[in-house]
Amino acid sequence: ERRRQEELEEREYLRETERQKELMIVEASLSQEAERESLSTSLALEQAGASSQSASEDLAEESQSTSESAVMSEAAKSEK
């Protein structure tokens, strides 16, 4: 009877150990997935920042050339 009890306890212990291993594997893979998500989010934000900066630079150039052409047309008017 006592031996049977010990065997049951040992099997229970092994089952629990196996369950712990599985949980650790699941946690590790979830953690890797979260890290990948975080990296791709960072990359997306970086790219958005870069394209936003490039759009700002384009606007600044456009605004400068608009001002220059306004100045030129004013100069042309005053020459007449």
Protein backbone atom coordinates (compact mmCIF):
# COMPACT_ATOMS: atom_id res chain seq x y z
CA GLU A 1 0.00 0.00 0.00
CA ARG A 2 2.73 2.44 0.97
CA ARG A 3 4.71 1.58 -2.17
CA ARG A 4 1.68 2.29 -4.32
CA GLN A 5 1.27 5.64 -2.61
CA GLU A 6 4.93 6.48 -3.31
CA GLU A 7 4.53 5.51 -6.97
CA LEU A 8 1.45 7.71 -7.26
CA GLU A 9 3.28 10.63 -5.69
CA GLU A 10 6.25 10.14 -8.00
CA ARG A 11 4.01 10.02 -11.08
CA GLU A 12 2.21 13.13 -9.88
CA TYR A 13 5.56 14.86 -9.35
CA LEU A 14 6.75 13.90 -12.86
CA ARG A 15 3.48 15.11 -14.36
CA GLU A 16 3.79 18.41 -12.52
CA THR A 17 7.42 18.79 -13.64
CA GLU A 18 6.38 18.12 -17.24
CA ARG A 19 3.62 20.71 -16.93
CA GLN A 20 6.10 23.26 -15.59
CA LYS A 21 8.41 22.60 -18.56
CA GLU A 22 5.53 23.10 -21.00
CA LEU A 23 4.56 26.34 -19.27
CA MET A 24 8.12 27.62 -19.48
CA ILE A 25 8.22 26.82 -23.20
CA VAL A 26 4.93 28.63 -23.77
CA GLU A 27 6.10 31.64 -21.74
CA ALA A 28 9.37 31.78 -23.67
CA SER A 29 7.62 31.69 -27.02
CA LEU A 30 5.12 34.36 -25.91
CA SER A 31 8.00 36.50 -24.74
CA GLN A 32 9.77 36.10 -28.11
CA GLU A 33 6.56 36.99 -29.92
CA ALA A 34 6.12 40.09 -27.78
CA GLU A 35 9.71 41.09 -28.48
CA ARG A 36 9.15 40.70 -32.23
CA GLU A 37 5.96 42.79 -32.00
CA SER A 38 7.83 45.44 -30.06
CA LEU A 39 10.63 45.51 -32.64
CA SER A 40 8.25 45.79 -35.57
CA THR A 41 6.34 48.57 -33.77
CA SER A 42 9.60 50.44 -33.17
CA LEU A 43 10.56 49.98 -36.80
CA ALA A 44 7.16 51.22 -37.98
CA LEU A 45 7.43 54.26 -35.72
CA GLU A 46 10.94 54.95 -36.97
CA GLN A 47 9.80 54.72 -40.59
CA ALA A 48 6.79 56.94 -39.88
CA GLY A 49 9.11 59.46 -38.25
CA ALA A 50 11.44 59.40 -41.23
CA SER A 51 8.66 59.86 -43.76
CA SER A 52 7.13 62.61 -41.64
CA GLN A 53 10.48 64.40 -41.51
CA SER A 54 10.88 64.03 -45.26
CA ALA A 55 7.36 65.43 -45.78
CA SER A 56 8.22 68.40 -43.53
CA GLU A 57 11.38 69.05 -45.52
CA ASP A 58 9.41 68.91 -48.78
CA LEU A 59 6.88 71.39 -47.37
CA ALA A 60 9.66 73.73 -46.25
CA GLU A 61 11.24 73.63 -49.71
CA GLU A 62 7.88 74.20 -51.37
CA SER A 63 7.10 77.10 -49.07
CA GLN A 64 10.51 78.65 -49.73
CA SER A 65 10.14 78.41 -53.52
CA THR A 66 6.61 79.87 -53.26
CA SER A 67 8.00 82.83 -51.28
CA GLU A 68 10.80 83.27 -53.80
CA SER A 69 8.40 83.34 -56.74
CA ALA A 70 6.15 85.82 -54.87
CA VAL A 71 9.17 88.07 -54.29
CA MET A 72 10.12 87.76 -57.97
CA SER A 73 6.63 88.66 -59.18
CA GLU A 74 6.57 91.65 -56.80
CA ALA A 75 9.92 92.77 -58.19
CA ALA A 76 8.63 92.37 -61.74
CA LYS A 77 5.55 94.46 -60.90
CA SER A 78 7.62 97.26 -59.38
CA GLU A 79 9.90 97.34 -62.44
CA LYS A 80 6.88 98.05 -64.64
